[in-house]
Protein backbone atom coordinates (compact mmCIF):
# COMPACT_ATOMS: atom_id res chain seq x y z
CA MET A 1 35.33 -1.93 18.79
CA SER A 2 35.84 1.83 18.85
CA LYS A 3 33.24 4.41 19.38
CA ILE A 4 32.22 5.12 15.55
CA PRO A 5 31.39 1.78 14.53
CA VAL A 6 29.26 0.84 17.83
CA PHE A 7 27.29 4.20 17.07
CA LYS A 8 26.99 3.49 13.44
CA HIS A 9 25.70 -0.16 14.50
CA ARG A 10 23.10 1.32 16.81
CA ILE A 11 22.14 3.89 13.75
CA HIS A 12 22.16 1.02 11.52
CA HIS A 13 19.96 -0.88 13.83
CA MET A 14 17.45 2.02 14.29
CA LEU A 15 16.83 2.57 10.82
CA GLN A 16 16.35 -0.70 10.35
CA GLY A 17 13.91 -1.14 12.49
CA GLN A 18 15.24 -3.42 15.20
CA HIS A 19 15.90 -3.15 18.79
CA GLN A 20 12.03 -1.97 19.01
CA VAL A 21 12.24 -2.80 22.67
CA GLU A 22 14.35 0.53 23.21
CA PRO A 23 12.64 3.70 24.04
CA TRP A 24 15.10 5.75 21.35
CA ALA A 25 14.08 3.56 18.60
CA ARG A 26 10.22 3.87 19.37
CA ILE A 27 10.66 7.46 19.18
CA PHE A 28 12.31 7.17 15.88
CA ASN A 29 9.72 5.68 14.71
CA PHE A 30 7.17 7.19 15.80
CA SER A 31 8.55 10.42 14.99
CA LEU A 32 9.41 9.72 11.51
CA ALA A 33 5.37 8.20 11.37
CA SER A 34 3.74 11.22 12.53
CA LEU A 35 6.37 13.53 10.38
CA ILE A 36 5.04 11.60 7.04
CA ILE A 37 1.59 11.71 7.70
CA LEU A 38 1.78 15.56 8.58
CA ASN A 39 3.60 16.45 5.42
CA VAL A 40 0.29 14.50 3.58
CA LEU A 41 -1.98 16.55 5.43
CA ALA A 42 -0.39 19.49 5.09
CA LEU A 43 -0.40 18.80 1.27
CA MET A 44 -3.95 18.20 1.39
CA LEU A 45 -5.04 21.62 3.03
CA GLU A 46 -2.50 23.23 0.65
CA THR A 47 -5.06 22.83 -2.37
CA VAL A 48 -7.76 24.78 -0.09
CA ASP A 49 -6.74 27.91 -1.72
CA ALA A 50 -8.10 30.32 1.32
CA LEU A 51 -6.19 28.23 3.74
CA TYR A 52 -3.08 27.83 1.81
CA GLU A 53 -3.24 31.84 1.43
CA GLU A 54 -3.26 32.36 5.33
CA TRP A 55 -0.77 29.82 6.38
CA LYS A 56 1.37 30.07 2.84
CA VAL A 57 4.89 30.92 5.46
CA PHE A 58 4.04 28.07 7.73
CA PHE A 59 3.55 25.66 5.04
CA PHE A 60 7.11 27.03 3.63
CA PHE A 61 8.88 26.46 6.55
CA PHE A 62 7.25 23.21 7.51
CA GLU A 63 8.13 21.44 3.92
CA LEU A 64 11.75 23.36 4.52
CA PHE A 65 12.03 21.48 7.60
CA SER A 66 10.18 18.09 6.32
CA VAL A 67 12.70 18.00 3.41
CA SER A 68 15.86 18.57 6.00
CA ILE A 69 14.55 15.75 7.88
CA PHE A 70 14.02 13.48 5.75
CA ILE A 71 17.24 14.06 3.57
CA ALA A 72 19.31 13.36 6.56
CA GLU A 73 17.60 10.31 7.16
CA TYR A 74 18.42 9.17 3.57
CA LEU A 75 21.99 10.32 4.23
CA LEU A 76 22.36 8.23 7.44
CA ARG A 77 20.61 5.17 5.55
CA LEU A 78 23.78 5.73 2.96
CA TRP A 79 26.48 5.63 5.54
CA VAL A 80 25.34 2.29 7.17
CA ALA A 81 24.12 0.79 4.17
CA ASN A 82 27.33 -1.39 3.88
CA LEU A 83 26.61 -2.86 7.33
CA HIS A 84 24.12 -5.13 5.46
CA PRO A 85 25.17 -8.29 4.11
CA LYS A 86 23.79 -7.17 0.64
CA TYR A 87 25.72 -4.00 0.46
CA GLN A 88 29.04 -4.88 2.15
CA GLN A 89 31.18 -3.23 -0.22
CA PRO A 90 31.58 0.67 0.70
CA VAL A 91 31.23 2.06 -2.70
CA GLY A 92 29.62 -0.64 -5.12
CA GLY A 93 27.49 -1.61 -2.01
CA ARG A 94 26.13 2.05 -1.85
CA ILE A 95 25.80 2.66 -5.45
CA ARG A 96 23.27 -1.01 -5.40
CA TYR A 97 21.64 0.33 -2.68
CA LEU A 98 20.49 3.89 -4.20
CA PHE A 99 18.60 1.33 -6.79
CA SER A 100 16.66 -0.88 -4.38
CA PRO A 101 13.38 -0.21 -3.94
CA LEU A 102 13.39 1.01 -0.39
CA ALA A 103 15.97 3.26 -1.02
CA LEU A 104 13.84 4.99 -4.30
CA ILE A 105 10.62 5.23 -1.82
CA ASP A 106 13.39 7.14 0.35
CA LEU A 107 14.42 9.63 -2.59
CA MET A 108 10.99 10.15 -3.69
CA ALA A 109 10.01 11.52 -0.08
CA PHE A 110 12.34 15.11 -0.85
CA LEU A 111 13.09 14.59 -4.43
CA PRO A 112 9.65 16.70 -5.68
CA SER A 113 10.70 19.07 -3.32
CA LEU A 114 14.45 20.15 -4.76
CA LEU A 115 13.19 19.93 -8.52
CA LEU A 116 10.64 22.38 -7.47
CA MET A 117 13.56 25.11 -6.78
CA SER A 118 14.63 24.27 -9.98
CA GLY A 119 11.56 25.31 -11.66
CA LEU A 120 10.10 22.03 -12.39
CA ASP A 121 6.58 21.79 -10.08
CA LEU A 122 6.16 18.40 -9.19
CA ARG A 123 4.47 19.14 -5.73
CA SER A 124 1.73 16.38 -6.37
CA LEU A 125 4.22 13.78 -6.18
CA ARG A 126 4.90 14.74 -2.67
CA ILE A 127 1.91 12.44 -1.82
CA LEU A 128 4.14 9.21 -2.34
CA ARG A 129 5.41 10.25 1.11
CA LEU A 130 2.55 8.49 1.99
CA VAL A 131 4.36 5.43 0.58
CA ARG A 132 7.26 6.01 3.25
CA VAL A 133 5.00 3.84 5.63
CA VAL A 134 6.10 1.03 4.26
CA ARG A 135 9.11 1.61 6.17
CA LEU A 136 7.21 0.95 9.21
CA LEU A 137 5.85 -2.24 8.07
CA HIS A 138 9.78 -3.33 7.56
CA VAL A 139 10.75 -4.33 11.60
CA PRO A 140 10.60 -7.67 12.45
CA ARG A 141 7.11 -8.39 14.26
CA PHE A 142 5.70 -6.47 11.17
CA ASN A 143 7.66 -8.55 8.83
CA LYS A 144 6.49 -11.57 10.55
CA ALA A 145 2.39 -10.73 9.80
CA MET A 146 3.35 -9.48 6.20
CA TYR A 147 4.95 -12.95 5.67
CA ALA A 148 1.62 -14.78 7.20
CA ILE A 149 -0.42 -13.04 4.50
CA TRP A 150 1.90 -13.61 1.71
CA GLN A 151 2.40 -17.13 2.46
CA ALA A 152 -1.36 -17.55 2.98
CA ALA A 153 -2.25 -15.81 -0.48
CA ARG A 154 0.62 -17.90 -2.07
CA SER A 155 -1.14 -21.29 -0.65
CA LYS A 156 -4.21 -20.09 -2.25
CA SER A 157 -3.29 -18.73 -5.52
CA ALA A 158 -5.39 -21.48 -7.86
CA GLU A 159 -8.41 -20.73 -5.85
CA PHE A 160 -7.63 -16.49 -6.51
CA LEU A 161 -6.96 -17.03 -9.89
CA ILE A 162 -10.45 -19.42 -10.58
CA ALA A 163 -12.20 -16.69 -8.28
CA GLY A 164 -10.51 -14.05 -10.98
CA THR A 165 -11.61 -15.58 -13.57
CA ILE A 166 -14.99 -16.02 -12.62
CA MET A 167 -15.64 -12.20 -11.97
CA PHE A 168 -13.87 -11.31 -15.14
CA VAL A 169 -16.34 -13.47 -16.90
CA LEU A 170 -19.60 -12.04 -15.05
CA LEU A 171 -18.36 -8.75 -15.69
CA ILE A 172 -18.16 -9.03 -19.38
CA LEU A 173 -21.23 -11.23 -19.69
CA CYS A 174 -23.22 -8.17 -16.81
CA SER A 175 -21.83 -5.77 -19.13
CA SER A 176 -22.77 -7.39 -22.52
CA LEU A 177 -26.24 -7.98 -21.72
CA ALA A 178 -26.85 -4.22 -20.50
CA TYR A 179 -25.33 -3.29 -23.56
CA PHE A 180 -27.93 -4.84 -25.65
CA ALA A 181 -30.69 -4.11 -22.97
CA GLU A 182 -29.91 0.13 -22.84
CA HIS A 183 -28.18 0.50 -26.27
CA GLU A 184 -31.36 1.98 -27.97
CA ALA A 185 -32.84 4.12 -24.61
CA GLN A 186 -29.42 5.32 -23.43
CA PRO A 187 -26.86 5.19 -27.12
CA LYS A 188 -24.37 7.45 -25.39
CA ALA A 189 -24.37 6.11 -21.93
CA PHE A 190 -24.27 2.72 -23.53
CA SER A 191 -22.38 3.28 -26.55
CA SER A 192 -20.61 0.02 -26.67
CA ILE A 193 -19.66 -3.41 -24.61
CA PRO A 194 -16.49 -1.48 -23.57
CA ALA A 195 -17.91 2.03 -22.49
CA SER A 196 -20.45 -0.50 -20.30
CA LEU A 197 -18.13 -1.80 -18.41
CA TRP A 198 -17.71 1.18 -16.23
CA TRP A 199 -21.44 0.86 -15.27
CA GLY A 200 -20.58 -3.13 -15.16
CA ILE A 201 -17.65 -2.70 -12.36
CA MET A 202 -19.93 -0.01 -10.60
CA THR A 203 -22.87 -2.12 -10.40
CA MET A 204 -20.95 -5.56 -9.70
CA THR A 205 -18.80 -3.58 -7.01
CA THR A 206 -22.51 -2.47 -5.64
CA VAL A 207 -20.78 1.17 -5.19
CA GLY A 208 -23.30 2.56 -7.53
CA TYR A 209 -21.51 5.58 -8.55
CA GLY A 210 -24.68 7.31 -10.33
CA ASP A 211 -23.20 8.87 -14.07
CA VAL A 212 -24.94 6.09 -15.81
CA TYR A 213 -27.73 3.76 -14.95
CA PRO A 214 -30.30 1.69 -16.93
CA VAL A 215 -33.35 2.70 -17.66
CA THR A 216 -35.96 -0.05 -19.30
CA VAL A 217 -37.45 -2.88 -17.46
CA LEU A 218 -34.49 -5.64 -18.56
CA GLY A 219 -31.70 -3.20 -17.94
CA LYS A 220 -33.06 -2.68 -14.36
CA ILE A 221 -33.77 -6.38 -13.63
CA ILE A 222 -29.80 -7.34 -14.97
CA ALA A 223 -28.36 -4.31 -12.90
CA ALA A 224 -30.56 -5.88 -9.60
CA PHE A 225 -29.67 -9.57 -11.06
CA PHE A 226 -25.86 -9.04 -11.01
CA ALA A 227 -25.72 -6.30 -8.25
CA VAL A 228 -26.80 -9.20 -5.77
CA LEU A 229 -24.47 -11.71 -7.59
CA GLY A 230 -21.35 -9.52 -7.43
CA ILE A 231 -22.26 -8.96 -3.45
CA GLY A 232 -21.12 -12.92 -3.20
CA PHE A 233 -18.41 -13.03 -5.84
CA PHE A 234 -16.62 -10.09 -5.25
CA ALA A 235 -16.23 -11.07 -1.38
CA LEU A 236 -14.73 -14.41 -2.36
CA PRO A 237 -10.93 -13.56 -2.73
CA SER A 238 -11.23 -12.16 0.94
CA ALA A 239 -13.21 -15.46 2.19
CA ILE A 240 -10.27 -17.27 0.27
CA LEU A 241 -7.51 -15.44 2.16
CA ALA A 242 -9.32 -15.42 5.59
CA SER A 243 -9.40 -19.22 5.21
CA ALA A 244 -5.95 -19.93 4.13
CA LEU A 245 -4.97 -17.34 7.36
CA ILE A 246 -6.95 -19.95 9.89
CA GLU A 247 -5.73 -22.84 8.27
CA GLN A 248 -1.56 -21.17 8.73
CA ALA A 249 -2.81 -20.63 12.26
CA ARG A 250 -4.24 -24.16 12.97
CA LYS A 251 -1.08 -25.69 11.41
CA LYS A 252 0.99 -23.81 14.36
CA GLU A 253 -0.90 -24.69 16.81
CA ILE A 254 -0.55 -28.63 15.48
CA SER A 255 3.03 -27.86 15.10
CA LYS A 256 3.58 -26.48 18.62
CA ALA A 257 1.92 -29.39 20.31
CA CYS A 258 3.78 -32.53 21.53
CA PRO A 259 2.98 -35.61 19.22
CA HIS A 260 2.81 -37.84 22.22
CA CYS A 261 0.48 -36.15 24.64
CA GLY A 262 -1.13 -33.19 22.50
CA GLY A 263 0.08 -30.83 25.07
CA GLU A 264 1.89 -27.47 24.33
CA LEU A 265 5.34 -27.53 23.80
CA LYS A 266 7.42 -24.78 25.03
CA ASP A 267 10.80 -23.09 23.60
């Protein structure tokens, strides 16, 4: 095998999150994650007018540096894409890769900045760079954890459906009762049942935004009742997922145990 294919394979493994035990792979992933987070922080700080005016030049060159890194990484991923079984064809495979979800996420890391040069102000879309953290989860050790969560949620799909239905019914009931109790006292805040849904969501999730609240005695009783009820029912999906993960962990422990003596089986 020539040096170029070997180098290409190493680049492919690094970009795909393989060989995480290698120092260079860990450095690459850490550096990329840090750059993504710094970009999001820079975008947030740019919205502070006084800070932006003082550090405008720094923000410009940091954006230029970041876009250069993201473009280089994007081109490297495109170059090694045909090493993946799904994109083996040199041309057709790379074209299919360009329209894959992860490739589109990579594209959105630098496309808004390039469009800005053409006159389209899409700087707000730079916040999508945070989505690129998905890449950090696309490594074997995280894949197992994500797959475990997915399997746990999938095994409890019926329970999630029932819990969601109950929460929806309670939300409609809460908003409707609040409307009938508060409409006369607050015709603008509780103008209709659909308009009351905002208050219902804020109450049942116990967030309490504060822009809409009951003023009548009956309305306050309804709000207190559904606020307490919402604590339990809106926490229900988390409890279902937690129980599913515990069941999955127990099944793994049982599968590793010897069926005769109950001892742990070694690989």
